[in-house]
Amino acid sequence: MNNCVIRPVAVSDYEAWLPLWDGYNEFYGRAGPTALPREVTRVTWDRFFDQNEPVHALVAESGGRLLGLAHYLFHRSTTAVALTCYMQDLFTSEAARGQGVGRALINGVYEMAQRAESPRVYWLTHETNHTAMQLYDKVADASGFVVYRKIF
């Protein structure tokens, strides 16, 4: 999408960002009875604008409309001195899919990582997210690691 601008999220974007965030959570099964509590959404949003938080957000905008989001954070690692960049969330509106918006958002995160002198960006996706993985295979290397978790 040639006229798509990738930029940091602004406080005034909340009403346009929220449907993208809700769509992302619905895609990953966090809707209805398993919906993410609104307090988590509020705290997440507030963190984007708190200079003491390592959590950041980019949005894709075209024609005054938000088409996608990317949330990323920087964290320490036991295997590197520089901070590592983790892209936690990536989502585009259905209308924007296949238009290069996801790739542009990923490249935006890459740029933010380079500015922060972070030598690595990584992310996770569900093994059934084959459509997104077609893009990911073009812009990054699959690590081969399997994720384990315990939820309390």
N, C-alpha and C. Protein backbone atom coordinates (compact mmCIF):
# COMPACT_ATOMS: atom_id res chain seq x y z
N MET A 1 0.86 -1.17 0.00
CA MET A 1 0.00 0.00 0.00
C MET A 1 0.90 1.23 0.00
N ASN A 2 0.94 1.92 -1.12
CA ASN A 2 1.87 3.03 -1.31
C ASN A 2 1.60 4.24 -0.43
N ASN A 3 0.36 4.50 -0.11
CA ASN A 3 0.03 5.70 0.66
C ASN A 3 -0.15 5.40 2.15
N CYS A 4 0.40 4.32 2.63
CA CYS A 4 0.30 3.92 4.02
C CYS A 4 1.47 4.54 4.79
N VAL A 5 1.15 5.17 5.92
CA VAL A 5 2.16 5.76 6.78
C VAL A 5 2.23 4.94 8.06
N ILE A 6 3.44 4.57 8.46
CA ILE A 6 3.66 3.89 9.73
C ILE A 6 4.18 4.93 10.70
N ARG A 7 3.52 5.05 11.84
CA ARG A 7 3.89 6.08 12.81
C ARG A 7 3.59 5.61 14.21
N PRO A 8 4.20 6.26 15.21
CA PRO A 8 3.85 5.94 16.59
C PRO A 8 2.38 6.29 16.85
N VAL A 9 1.74 5.52 17.67
CA VAL A 9 0.36 5.78 18.03
C VAL A 9 0.28 7.11 18.79
N ALA A 10 -0.80 7.82 18.64
CA ALA A 10 -1.05 9.09 19.33
C ALA A 10 -2.23 8.91 20.27
N VAL A 11 -2.27 9.70 21.32
CA VAL A 11 -3.38 9.63 22.29
C VAL A 11 -4.72 9.79 21.56
N SER A 12 -4.76 10.62 20.55
CA SER A 12 -6.01 10.86 19.81
C SER A 12 -6.44 9.68 18.94
N ASP A 13 -5.62 8.64 18.83
CA ASP A 13 -5.95 7.46 18.02
C ASP A 13 -6.81 6.44 18.74
N TYR A 14 -7.11 6.64 20.00
CA TYR A 14 -7.74 5.59 20.80
C TYR A 14 -8.99 5.01 20.13
N GLU A 15 -9.91 5.84 19.69
CA GLU A 15 -11.18 5.34 19.12
C GLU A 15 -10.96 4.54 17.84
N ALA A 16 -9.93 4.85 17.08
CA ALA A 16 -9.62 4.11 15.86
C ALA A 16 -8.76 2.88 16.14
N TRP A 17 -7.93 2.96 17.19
CA TRP A 17 -7.08 1.83 17.58
C TRP A 17 -7.89 0.71 18.21
N LEU A 18 -8.89 1.06 19.03
CA LEU A 18 -9.66 0.08 19.80
C LEU A 18 -10.28 -1.02 18.94
N PRO A 19 -10.94 -0.72 17.81
CA PRO A 19 -11.48 -1.82 17.00
C PRO A 19 -10.40 -2.76 16.45
N LEU A 20 -9.23 -2.22 16.15
CA LEU A 20 -8.12 -3.08 15.70
C LEU A 20 -7.67 -3.99 16.85
N TRP A 21 -7.52 -3.41 18.04
CA TRP A 21 -7.14 -4.17 19.23
C TRP A 21 -8.17 -5.25 19.53
N ASP A 22 -9.45 -4.87 19.46
CA ASP A 22 -10.50 -5.86 19.71
C ASP A 22 -10.49 -6.96 18.65
N GLY A 23 -10.23 -6.60 17.39
CA GLY A 23 -10.15 -7.59 16.32
C GLY A 23 -8.98 -8.54 16.53
N TYR A 24 -7.87 -8.01 16.97
CA TYR A 24 -6.70 -8.84 17.27
C TYR A 24 -7.03 -9.83 18.37
N ASN A 25 -7.63 -9.35 19.43
CA ASN A 25 -7.97 -10.23 20.55
C ASN A 25 -9.02 -11.26 20.15
N GLU A 26 -9.97 -10.87 19.34
CA GLU A 26 -10.98 -11.82 18.86
C GLU A 26 -10.32 -12.91 18.00
N PHE A 27 -9.38 -12.51 17.15
CA PHE A 27 -8.67 -13.47 16.30
C PHE A 27 -8.00 -14.56 17.14
N TYR A 28 -7.47 -14.17 18.30
CA TYR A 28 -6.79 -15.12 19.17
C TYR A 28 -7.70 -15.68 20.27
N GLY A 29 -9.01 -15.59 20.06
CA GLY A 29 -9.95 -16.25 20.96
C GLY A 29 -10.22 -15.53 22.26
N ARG A 30 -9.84 -14.26 22.33
CA ARG A 30 -10.10 -13.48 23.54
C ARG A 30 -11.30 -12.57 23.29
N ALA A 31 -12.47 -13.20 23.15
CA ALA A 31 -13.72 -12.47 22.94
C ALA A 31 -14.82 -13.20 23.69
N GLY A 32 -15.96 -12.55 23.82
CA GLY A 32 -17.08 -13.16 24.53
C GLY A 32 -16.71 -13.48 25.96
N PRO A 33 -17.00 -14.69 26.42
CA PRO A 33 -16.72 -15.05 27.82
C PRO A 33 -15.23 -15.06 28.15
N THR A 34 -14.38 -15.20 27.14
CA THR A 34 -12.94 -15.21 27.38
C THR A 34 -12.29 -13.87 27.01
N ALA A 35 -13.10 -12.83 26.92
CA ALA A 35 -12.60 -11.52 26.51
C ALA A 35 -11.57 -10.98 27.49
N LEU A 36 -10.65 -10.24 26.94
CA LEU A 36 -9.66 -9.54 27.75
C LEU A 36 -10.39 -8.49 28.59
N PRO A 37 -10.14 -8.44 29.88
CA PRO A 37 -10.80 -7.41 30.70
C PRO A 37 -10.45 -6.01 30.19
N ARG A 38 -11.41 -5.10 30.22
CA ARG A 38 -11.20 -3.74 29.73
C ARG A 38 -10.09 -3.04 30.52
N GLU A 39 -9.88 -3.44 31.77
CA GLU A 39 -8.80 -2.84 32.54
C GLU A 39 -7.45 -3.14 31.89
N VAL A 40 -7.28 -4.33 31.32
CA VAL A 40 -6.04 -4.67 30.63
C VAL A 40 -5.87 -3.77 29.42
N THR A 41 -6.94 -3.56 28.68
CA THR A 41 -6.88 -2.65 27.52
C THR A 41 -6.51 -1.25 27.96
N ARG A 42 -7.12 -0.76 29.02
CA ARG A 42 -6.83 0.59 29.51
C ARG A 42 -5.38 0.73 29.94
N VAL A 43 -4.89 -0.25 30.70
CA VAL A 43 -3.50 -0.20 31.17
C VAL A 43 -2.54 -0.32 29.99
N THR A 44 -2.84 -1.19 29.06
CA THR A 44 -1.99 -1.34 27.87
C THR A 44 -1.91 -0.02 27.12
N TRP A 45 -3.05 0.61 26.89
CA TRP A 45 -3.09 1.90 26.19
C TRP A 45 -2.26 2.94 26.94
N ASP A 46 -2.44 3.03 28.24
CA ASP A 46 -1.70 4.01 29.04
C ASP A 46 -0.20 3.77 28.97
N ARG A 47 0.22 2.53 28.92
CA ARG A 47 1.65 2.21 28.87
C ARG A 47 2.32 2.77 27.63
N PHE A 48 1.60 2.84 26.52
CA PHE A 48 2.19 3.37 25.29
C PHE A 48 2.69 4.80 25.47
N PHE A 49 2.11 5.53 26.41
CA PHE A 49 2.42 6.95 26.58
C PHE A 49 3.19 7.24 27.87
N ASP A 50 3.64 6.20 28.55
CA ASP A 50 4.39 6.34 29.78
C ASP A 50 5.88 6.15 29.47
N GLN A 51 6.65 7.19 29.64
CA GLN A 51 8.08 7.15 29.31
C GLN A 51 8.85 6.10 30.13
N ASN A 52 8.29 5.67 31.25
CA ASN A 52 8.94 4.67 32.10
C ASN A 52 8.62 3.23 31.70
N GLU A 53 7.77 3.08 30.72
CA GLU A 53 7.37 1.74 30.26
C GLU A 53 8.15 1.37 29.00
N PRO A 54 8.52 0.09 28.84
CA PRO A 54 9.23 -0.35 27.64
C PRO A 54 8.29 -0.77 26.50
N VAL A 55 7.00 -0.51 26.66
CA VAL A 55 5.99 -0.95 25.69
C VAL A 55 5.66 0.20 24.73
N HIS A 56 5.62 -0.12 23.44
CA HIS A 56 5.41 0.90 22.41
C HIS A 56 4.39 0.41 21.38
N ALA A 57 3.87 1.34 20.61
CA ALA A 57 2.89 0.99 19.58
C ALA A 57 3.12 1.80 18.32
N LEU A 58 3.00 1.12 17.20
CA LEU A 58 2.97 1.76 15.89
C LEU A 58 1.61 1.49 15.28
N VAL A 59 1.17 2.39 14.43
CA VAL A 59 -0.06 2.18 13.67
C VAL A 59 0.22 2.44 12.20
N ALA A 60 -0.58 1.81 11.36
CA ALA A 60 -0.55 2.04 9.92
C ALA A 60 -1.77 2.90 9.60
N GLU A 61 -1.53 4.00 8.90
CA GLU A 61 -2.61 4.94 8.58
C GLU A 61 -2.63 5.23 7.09
N SER A 62 -3.81 5.29 6.54
CA SER A 62 -3.98 5.67 5.15
C SER A 62 -5.31 6.40 5.01
N GLY A 63 -5.28 7.55 4.38
CA GLY A 63 -6.50 8.32 4.17
C GLY A 63 -7.21 8.67 5.46
N GLY A 64 -6.45 8.88 6.53
CA GLY A 64 -7.04 9.24 7.81
C GLY A 64 -7.63 8.08 8.59
N ARG A 65 -7.45 6.86 8.09
CA ARG A 65 -7.97 5.66 8.78
C ARG A 65 -6.82 4.78 9.25
N LEU A 66 -6.98 4.21 10.43
CA LEU A 66 -5.99 3.25 10.91
C LEU A 66 -6.30 1.89 10.30
N LEU A 67 -5.27 1.26 9.75
CA LEU A 67 -5.41 -0.03 9.08
C LEU A 67 -4.77 -1.17 9.85
N GLY A 68 -3.88 -0.84 10.78
CA GLY A 68 -3.19 -1.89 11.50
C GLY A 68 -2.42 -1.36 12.69
N LEU A 69 -1.95 -2.31 13.50
CA LEU A 69 -1.19 -1.95 14.69
C LEU A 69 -0.04 -2.94 14.88
N ALA A 70 0.98 -2.47 15.54
CA ALA A 70 2.09 -3.31 15.98
C ALA A 70 2.50 -2.82 17.36
N HIS A 71 2.51 -3.71 18.33
CA HIS A 71 2.94 -3.40 19.69
C HIS A 71 4.24 -4.14 19.94
N TYR A 72 5.20 -3.45 20.50
CA TYR A 72 6.50 -4.07 20.73
C TYR A 72 7.08 -3.56 22.04
N LEU A 73 8.02 -4.31 22.56
CA LEU A 73 8.67 -3.92 23.80
C LEU A 73 10.12 -4.34 23.76
N PHE A 74 10.90 -3.69 24.60
CA PHE A 74 12.32 -4.01 24.72
C PHE A 74 12.55 -4.67 26.07
N HIS A 75 13.37 -5.72 26.07
CA HIS A 75 13.67 -6.40 27.33
C HIS A 75 15.12 -6.87 27.34
N ARG A 76 15.59 -7.13 28.54
CA ARG A 76 16.95 -7.64 28.72
C ARG A 76 16.99 -9.12 28.33
N SER A 77 18.20 -9.59 28.11
CA SER A 77 18.42 -10.99 27.78
C SER A 77 19.68 -11.47 28.49
N THR A 78 19.71 -12.74 28.80
CA THR A 78 20.91 -13.31 29.42
C THR A 78 21.99 -13.63 28.39
N THR A 79 21.66 -13.47 27.10
CA THR A 79 22.62 -13.82 26.06
C THR A 79 23.09 -12.62 25.24
N ALA A 80 22.75 -11.42 25.71
CA ALA A 80 23.18 -10.21 24.99
C ALA A 80 23.24 -9.04 25.95
N VAL A 81 24.06 -8.07 25.63
CA VAL A 81 24.13 -6.85 26.43
C VAL A 81 23.03 -5.88 26.00
N ALA A 82 22.82 -5.74 24.70
CA ALA A 82 21.80 -4.82 24.19
C ALA A 82 20.41 -5.39 24.45
N LEU A 83 19.44 -4.49 24.52
CA LEU A 83 18.05 -4.90 24.69
C LEU A 83 17.56 -5.65 23.46
N THR A 84 16.68 -6.60 23.68
CA THR A 84 16.04 -7.36 22.61
C THR A 84 14.64 -6.78 22.38
N CYS A 85 14.22 -6.76 21.13
CA CYS A 85 12.90 -6.24 20.79
C CYS A 85 11.95 -7.40 20.52
N TYR A 86 10.85 -7.41 21.25
CA TYR A 86 9.81 -8.42 21.07
C TYR A 86 8.57 -7.74 20.50
N MET A 87 8.14 -8.15 19.32
CA MET A 87 6.91 -7.65 18.74
C MET A 87 5.79 -8.55 19.27
N GLN A 88 5.03 -8.02 20.19
CA GLN A 88 4.02 -8.85 20.86
C GLN A 88 2.74 -8.96 20.06
N ASP A 89 2.33 -7.89 19.42
CA ASP A 89 1.06 -7.89 18.71
C ASP A 89 1.24 -7.29 17.32
N LEU A 90 0.63 -7.91 16.33
CA LEU A 90 0.60 -7.39 14.96
C LEU A 90 -0.76 -7.73 14.40
N PHE A 91 -1.45 -6.72 13.86
CA PHE A 91 -2.79 -6.96 13.35
C PHE A 91 -3.12 -5.92 12.30
N THR A 92 -3.78 -6.35 11.24
CA THR A 92 -4.31 -5.41 10.25
C THR A 92 -5.80 -5.67 10.06
N SER A 93 -6.49 -4.62 9.67
CA SER A 93 -7.92 -4.78 9.38
C SER A 93 -8.06 -5.74 8.21
N GLU A 94 -9.19 -6.38 8.14
CA GLU A 94 -9.42 -7.34 7.06
C GLU A 94 -9.27 -6.70 5.69
N ALA A 95 -9.75 -5.47 5.56
CA ALA A 95 -9.67 -4.76 4.28
C ALA A 95 -8.23 -4.47 3.86
N ALA A 96 -7.31 -4.40 4.83
CA ALA A 96 -5.92 -4.06 4.53
C ALA A 96 -5.05 -5.28 4.26
N ARG A 97 -5.57 -6.46 4.48
CA ARG A 97 -4.75 -7.67 4.33
C ARG A 97 -4.38 -7.90 2.87
N GLY A 98 -3.15 -8.33 2.68
CA GLY A 98 -2.65 -8.57 1.34
C GLY A 98 -2.21 -7.31 0.62
N GLN A 99 -2.21 -6.18 1.32
CA GLN A 99 -1.87 -4.88 0.72
C GLN A 99 -0.48 -4.39 1.12
N GLY A 100 0.25 -5.18 1.92
CA GLY A 100 1.58 -4.77 2.35
C GLY A 100 1.61 -4.04 3.67
N VAL A 101 0.47 -3.93 4.35
CA VAL A 101 0.40 -3.20 5.61
C VAL A 101 1.14 -3.95 6.72
N GLY A 102 0.95 -5.26 6.79
CA GLY A 102 1.65 -6.05 7.80
C GLY A 102 3.15 -5.96 7.63
N ARG A 103 3.62 -6.07 6.41
CA ARG A 103 5.05 -5.95 6.13
C ARG A 103 5.56 -4.57 6.52
N ALA A 104 4.78 -3.54 6.22
CA ALA A 104 5.19 -2.17 6.57
C ALA A 104 5.28 -2.00 8.08
N LEU A 105 4.34 -2.59 8.81
CA LEU A 105 4.39 -2.51 10.27
C LEU A 105 5.61 -3.26 10.82
N ILE A 106 5.90 -4.43 10.29
CA ILE A 106 7.07 -5.18 10.72
C ILE A 106 8.34 -4.36 10.44
N ASN A 107 8.41 -3.77 9.26
CA ASN A 107 9.56 -2.94 8.94
C ASN A 107 9.66 -1.73 9.86
N GLY A 108 8.51 -1.21 10.28
CA GLY A 108 8.49 -0.11 11.24
C GLY A 108 9.07 -0.54 12.58
N VAL A 109 8.74 -1.74 13.02
CA VAL A 109 9.31 -2.26 14.27
C VAL A 109 10.81 -2.49 14.09
N TYR A 110 11.21 -3.01 12.94
CA TYR A 110 12.64 -3.18 12.67
C TYR A 110 13.37 -1.84 12.81
N GLU A 111 12.78 -0.80 12.25
CA GLU A 111 13.40 0.53 12.31
C GLU A 111 13.50 1.02 13.76
N MET A 112 12.45 0.82 14.54
CA MET A 112 12.49 1.24 15.95
C MET A 112 13.56 0.46 16.72
N ALA A 113 13.71 -0.82 16.42
CA ALA A 113 14.73 -1.64 17.07
C ALA A 113 16.12 -1.14 16.70
N GLN A 114 16.32 -0.82 15.44
CA GLN A 114 17.63 -0.32 15.02
C GLN A 114 17.94 1.02 15.68
N ARG A 115 16.95 1.89 15.79
CA ARG A 115 17.15 3.18 16.46
C ARG A 115 17.55 2.97 17.93
N ALA A 116 17.00 1.94 18.55
CA ALA A 116 17.29 1.65 19.95
C ALA A 116 18.56 0.79 20.09
N GLU A 117 19.21 0.53 18.97
CA GLU A 117 20.42 -0.30 18.93
C GLU A 117 20.17 -1.71 19.46
N SER A 118 18.98 -2.21 19.20
CA SER A 118 18.62 -3.58 19.54
C SER A 118 18.97 -4.45 18.34
N PRO A 119 19.77 -5.49 18.53
CA PRO A 119 20.23 -6.29 17.39
C PRO A 119 19.24 -7.37 16.94
N ARG A 120 18.11 -7.50 17.65
CA ARG A 120 17.22 -8.61 17.34
C ARG A 120 15.77 -8.24 17.57
N VAL A 121 14.93 -8.64 16.64
CA VAL A 121 13.47 -8.54 16.79
C VAL A 121 12.93 -9.95 16.63
N TYR A 122 12.02 -10.31 17.51
CA TYR A 122 11.38 -11.63 17.38
C TYR A 122 9.92 -11.50 17.75
N TRP A 123 9.14 -12.51 17.34
CA TRP A 123 7.72 -12.56 17.67
C TRP A 123 7.25 -14.00 17.59
N LEU A 124 6.06 -14.22 18.08
CA LEU A 124 5.41 -15.53 18.06
C LEU A 124 4.13 -15.44 17.24
N THR A 125 3.71 -16.55 16.72
CA THR A 125 2.38 -16.63 16.12
C THR A 125 1.86 -18.04 16.37
N HIS A 126 0.57 -18.18 16.24
CA HIS A 126 -0.03 -19.50 16.43
C HIS A 126 0.29 -20.37 15.22
N GLU A 127 0.49 -21.65 15.47
CA GLU A 127 0.87 -22.57 14.39
C GLU A 127 -0.19 -22.68 13.30
N THR A 128 -1.42 -22.26 13.58
CA THR A 128 -2.48 -22.31 12.57
C THR A 128 -2.60 -21.02 11.76
N ASN A 129 -1.78 -20.03 12.07
CA ASN A 129 -1.86 -18.74 11.40
C ASN A 129 -1.05 -18.77 10.09
N HIS A 130 -1.45 -19.65 9.20
CA HIS A 130 -0.70 -19.92 7.97
C HIS A 130 -0.60 -18.70 7.06
N THR A 131 -1.64 -17.90 6.99
CA THR A 131 -1.61 -16.72 6.11
C THR A 131 -0.51 -15.77 6.56
N ALA A 132 -0.48 -15.45 7.85
CA ALA A 132 0.55 -14.55 8.36
C ALA A 132 1.94 -15.17 8.21
N MET A 133 2.04 -16.47 8.40
CA MET A 133 3.34 -17.14 8.31
C MET A 133 3.93 -17.05 6.90
N GLN A 134 3.08 -16.92 5.89
CA GLN A 134 3.60 -16.74 4.54
C GLN A 134 4.39 -15.43 4.44
N LEU A 135 3.90 -14.39 5.11
CA LEU A 135 4.64 -13.13 5.17
C LEU A 135 5.87 -13.27 6.05
N TYR A 136 5.69 -13.83 7.24
CA TYR A 136 6.80 -13.93 8.20
C TYR A 136 7.98 -14.69 7.61
N ASP A 137 7.71 -15.72 6.83
CA ASP A 137 8.78 -16.49 6.21
C ASP A 137 9.59 -15.64 5.22
N LYS A 138 9.02 -14.55 4.74
CA LYS A 138 9.72 -13.67 3.80
C LYS A 138 10.52 -12.58 4.50
N VAL A 139 10.16 -12.24 5.74
CA VAL A 139 10.80 -11.09 6.39
C VAL A 139 11.64 -11.47 7.61
N ALA A 140 11.65 -12.74 7.98
CA ALA A 140 12.41 -13.19 9.16
C ALA A 140 12.69 -14.69 9.04
N ASP A 141 13.47 -15.18 9.96
CA ASP A 141 13.80 -16.60 10.00
C ASP A 141 13.03 -17.26 11.13
N ALA A 142 12.44 -18.41 10.87
CA ALA A 142 11.79 -19.19 11.93
C ALA A 142 12.88 -19.76 12.83
N SER A 143 12.71 -19.60 14.14
CA SER A 143 13.77 -20.00 15.07
C SER A 143 13.79 -21.49 15.38
N GLY A 144 12.67 -22.16 15.18
CA GLY A 144 12.60 -23.57 15.51
C GLY A 144 12.24 -23.84 16.96
N PHE A 145 12.16 -22.80 17.77
CA PHE A 145 11.81 -22.99 19.17
C PHE A 145 10.32 -23.22 19.34
N VAL A 146 9.96 -24.01 20.33
CA VAL A 146 8.58 -24.27 20.71
C VAL A 146 8.32 -23.55 22.02
N VAL A 147 7.19 -22.90 22.14
CA VAL A 147 6.86 -22.14 23.35
C VAL A 147 6.06 -23.00 24.31
N TYR A 148 6.46 -22.99 25.56
CA TYR A 148 5.71 -23.64 26.63
C TYR A 148 5.26 -22.55 27.58
N ARG A 149 4.10 -22.76 28.20
CA ARG A 149 3.64 -21.77 29.16
C ARG A 149 2.78 -22.42 30.20
N LYS A 150 2.67 -21.76 31.31
CA LYS A 150 1.79 -22.16 32.42
C LYS A 150 1.04 -20.91 32.82
N ILE A 151 -0.27 -20.96 32.77
CA ILE A 151 -1.10 -19.82 33.12
C ILE A 151 -1.70 -20.05 34.51
N PHE A 152 -1.55 -19.06 35.35
CA PHE A 152 -2.11 -19.13 36.70
C PHE A 152 -3.32 -18.25 36.84
